[in-house]
Amino acid sequence: MCWGSINSDSILERIIFFSIRKHKLFYYRASFILFFT
């Protein structure tokens, strides 16, 4: 039970980490587009 909860928490952390990375990349792209146009 405890191991399962820890495993799900680590998966959730990975999902949050990757979503933050994607949002940062999208934000940088949007700022570049706004800057160059």
PDB file of N, CA and C in Angstrom:
ATOM      1  N   MET A   1       0.851  -1.199   0.000  1.00  0.00           N
ATOM      2  CA  MET A   1       0.000   0.000   0.000  1.00  0.00           C
ATOM      3  C   MET A   1       0.889   1.251   0.000  1.00  0.00           C
ATOM      4  N   CYS A   2       1.824   1.295   0.947  1.00  0.00           N
ATOM      5  CA  CYS A   2       2.677   2.484   1.031  1.00  0.00           C
ATOM      6  C   CYS A   2       3.534   2.627  -0.225  1.00  0.00           C
ATOM      7  N   TRP A   3       4.080   1.488  -0.700  1.00  0.00           N
ATOM      8  CA  TRP A   3       4.922   1.539  -1.898  1.00  0.00           C
ATOM      9  C   TRP A   3       4.113   2.020  -3.091  1.00  0.00           C
ATOM     10  N   GLY A   4       2.838   1.559  -3.198  1.00  0.00           N
ATOM     11  CA  GLY A   4       1.996   1.977  -4.309  1.00  0.00           C
ATOM     12  C   GLY A   4       1.762   3.483  -4.275  1.00  0.00           C
ATOM     13  N   SER A   5       1.516   4.028  -3.091  1.00  0.00           N
ATOM     14  CA  SER A   5       1.271   5.466  -2.994  1.00  0.00           C
ATOM     15  C   SER A   5       2.544   6.245  -3.356  1.00  0.00           C
ATOM     16  N   ILE A   6       3.704   5.736  -2.898  1.00  0.00           N
ATOM     17  CA  ILE A   6       4.955   6.420  -3.229  1.00  0.00           C
ATOM     18  C   ILE A   6       5.180   6.376  -4.742  1.00  0.00           C
ATOM     19  N   ASN A   7       4.898   5.213  -5.361  1.00  0.00           N
ATOM     20  CA  ASN A   7       5.092   5.075  -6.799  1.00  0.00           C
ATOM     21  C   ASN A   7       4.189   6.047  -7.550  1.00  0.00           C
ATOM     22  N   SER A   8       2.917   6.147  -7.152  1.00  0.00           N
ATOM     23  CA  SER A   8       1.994   7.046  -7.834  1.00  0.00           C
ATOM     24  C   SER A   8       2.446   8.497  -7.633  1.00  0.00           C
ATOM     25  N   ASP A   9       2.968   8.824  -6.453  1.00  0.00           N
ATOM     26  CA  ASP A   9       3.445  10.188  -6.218  1.00  0.00           C
ATOM     27  C   ASP A   9       4.609  10.511  -7.144  1.00  0.00           C
ATOM     28  N   SER A  10       5.523   9.566  -7.339  1.00  0.00           N
ATOM     29  CA  SER A  10       6.663   9.817  -8.213  1.00  0.00           C
ATOM     30  C   SER A  10       6.189  10.000  -9.650  1.00  0.00           C
ATOM     31  N   ILE A  11       5.188   9.215 -10.071  1.00  0.00           N
ATOM     32  CA  ILE A  11       4.650   9.375 -11.431  1.00  0.00           C
ATOM     33  C   ILE A  11       4.015  10.759 -11.554  1.00  0.00           C
ATOM     34  N   LEU A  12       3.270  11.161 -10.533  1.00  0.00           N
ATOM     35  CA  LEU A  12       2.636  12.479 -10.561  1.00  0.00           C
ATOM     36  C   LEU A  12       3.697  13.580 -10.642  1.00  0.00           C
ATOM     37  N   GLU A  13       4.783  13.418  -9.869  1.00  0.00           N
ATOM     38  CA  GLU A  13       5.852  14.417  -9.929  1.00  0.00           C
ATOM     39  C   GLU A  13       6.447  14.501 -11.330  1.00  0.00           C
ATOM     40  N   ARG A  14       6.649  13.335 -11.967  1.00  0.00           N
ATOM     41  CA  ARG A  14       7.189  13.345 -13.332  1.00  0.00           C
ATOM     42  C   ARG A  14       6.251  14.052 -14.284  1.00  0.00           C
ATOM     43  N   ILE A  15       4.947  13.779 -14.167  1.00  0.00           N
ATOM     44  CA  ILE A  15       3.968  14.425 -15.051  1.00  0.00           C
ATOM     45  C   ILE A  15       4.011  15.934 -14.842  1.00  0.00           C
ATOM     46  N   ILE A  16       4.046  16.372 -13.578  1.00  0.00           N
ATOM     47  CA  ILE A  16       4.085  17.808 -13.290  1.00  0.00           C
ATOM     48  C   ILE A  16       5.368  18.417 -13.849  1.00  0.00           C
ATOM     49  N   PHE A  17       6.512  17.716 -13.653  1.00  0.00           N
ATOM     50  CA  PHE A  17       7.793  18.230 -14.127  1.00  0.00           C
ATOM     51  C   PHE A  17       7.788  18.393 -15.639  1.00  0.00           C
ATOM     52  N   PHE A  18       7.299  17.356 -16.358  1.00  0.00           N
ATOM     53  CA  PHE A  18       7.301  17.438 -17.822  1.00  0.00           C
ATOM     54  C   PHE A  18       6.320  18.502 -18.306  1.00  0.00           C
ATOM     55  N   SER A  19       5.171  18.645 -17.634  1.00  0.00           N
ATOM     56  CA  SER A  19       4.211  19.667 -18.050  1.00  0.00           C
ATOM     57  C   SER A  19       4.802  21.056 -17.841  1.00  0.00           C
ATOM     58  N   ILE A  20       5.542  21.251 -16.740  1.00  0.00           N
ATOM     59  CA  ILE A  20       6.181  22.549 -16.504  1.00  0.00           C
ATOM     60  C   ILE A  20       7.217  22.819 -17.588  1.00  0.00           C
ATOM     61  N   ARG A  21       8.007  21.793 -17.945  1.00  0.00           N
ATOM     62  CA  ARG A  21       9.005  21.966 -19.002  1.00  0.00           C
ATOM     63  C   ARG A  21       8.331  22.333 -20.310  1.00  0.00           C
ATOM     64  N   LYS A  22       7.226  21.658 -20.646  1.00  0.00           N
ATOM     65  CA  LYS A  22       6.523  21.965 -21.895  1.00  0.00           C
ATOM     66  C   LYS A  22       5.986  23.393 -21.861  1.00  0.00           C
ATOM     67  N   HIS A  23       5.409  23.806 -20.734  1.00  0.00           N
ATOM     68  CA  HIS A  23       4.874  25.157 -20.624  1.00  0.00           C
ATOM     69  C   HIS A  23       5.987  26.190 -20.758  1.00  0.00           C
ATOM     70  N   LYS A  24       7.175  25.902 -20.188  1.00  0.00           N
ATOM     71  CA  LYS A  24       8.294  26.828 -20.306  1.00  0.00           C
ATOM     72  C   LYS A  24       8.724  26.948 -21.761  1.00  0.00           C
ATOM     73  N   LEU A  25       8.841  25.814 -22.464  1.00  0.00           N
ATOM     74  CA  LEU A  25       9.225  25.850 -23.881  1.00  0.00           C
ATOM     75  C   LEU A  25       8.198  26.626 -24.685  1.00  0.00           C
ATOM     76  N   PHE A  26       6.903  26.392 -24.418  1.00  0.00           N
ATOM     77  CA  PHE A  26       5.849  27.115 -25.134  1.00  0.00           C
ATOM     78  C   PHE A  26       5.936  28.613 -24.845  1.00  0.00           C
ATOM     79  N   TYR A  27       6.208  28.969 -23.584  1.00  0.00           N
ATOM     80  CA  TYR A  27       6.325  30.383 -23.207  1.00  0.00           C
ATOM     81  C   TYR A  27       7.507  31.036 -23.915  1.00  0.00           C
ATOM     82  N   TYR A  28       8.648  30.325 -23.978  1.00  0.00           N
ATOM     83  CA  TYR A  28       9.815  30.875 -24.672  1.00  0.00           C
ATOM     84  C   TYR A  28       9.524  31.052 -26.149  1.00  0.00           C
ATOM     85  N   ARG A  29       8.851  30.084 -26.765  1.00  0.00           N
ATOM     86  CA  ARG A  29       8.511  30.200 -28.187  1.00  0.00           C
ATOM     87  C   ARG A  29       7.589  31.388 -28.420  1.00  0.00           C
ATOM     88  N   ALA A  30       6.572  31.520 -27.566  1.00  0.00           N
ATOM     89  CA  ALA A  30       5.635  32.630 -27.717  1.00  0.00           C
ATOM     90  C   ALA A  30       6.361  33.969 -27.561  1.00  0.00           C
ATOM     91  N   SER A  31       7.275  34.064 -26.595  1.00  0.00           N
ATOM     92  CA  SER A  31       8.003  35.322 -26.392  1.00  0.00           C
ATOM     93  C   SER A  31       8.908  35.598 -27.591  1.00  0.00           C
ATOM     94  N   PHE A  32       9.538  34.554 -28.160  1.00  0.00           N
ATOM     95  CA  PHE A  32      10.370  34.765 -29.349  1.00  0.00           C
ATOM     96  C   PHE A  32       9.524  35.264 -30.512  1.00  0.00           C
ATOM     97  N   ILE A  33       8.346  34.654 -30.717  1.00  0.00           N
ATOM     98  CA  ILE A  33       7.471  35.067 -31.827  1.00  0.00           C
ATOM     99  C   ILE A  33       7.044  36.516 -31.625  1.00  0.00           C
ATOM    100  N   LEU A  34       6.641  36.862 -30.407  1.00  0.00           N
ATOM    101  CA  LEU A  34       6.221  38.239 -30.139  1.00  0.00           C
ATOM    102  C   LEU A  34       7.398  39.202 -30.305  1.00  0.00           C
ATOM    103  N   PHE A  35       8.593  38.769 -29.940  1.00  0.00           N
ATOM    104  CA  PHE A  35       9.763  39.643 -30.014  1.00  0.00           C
ATOM    105  C   PHE A  35      10.169  39.907 -31.462  1.00  0.00           C
ATOM    106  N   PHE A  36      10.133  38.848 -32.297  1.00  0.00           N
ATOM    107  CA  PHE A  36      10.600  38.997 -33.678  1.00  0.00           C
ATOM    108  C   PHE A  36       9.563  39.611 -34.597  1.00  0.00           C
ATOM    109  N   THR A  37       8.266  39.604 -34.216  1.00  0.00           N
ATOM    110  CA  THR A  37       7.252  40.168 -35.096  1.00  0.00           C
ATOM    111  C   THR A  37       7.013  41.633 -34.793  1.00  0.00           C
TER     112      THR A  37
END
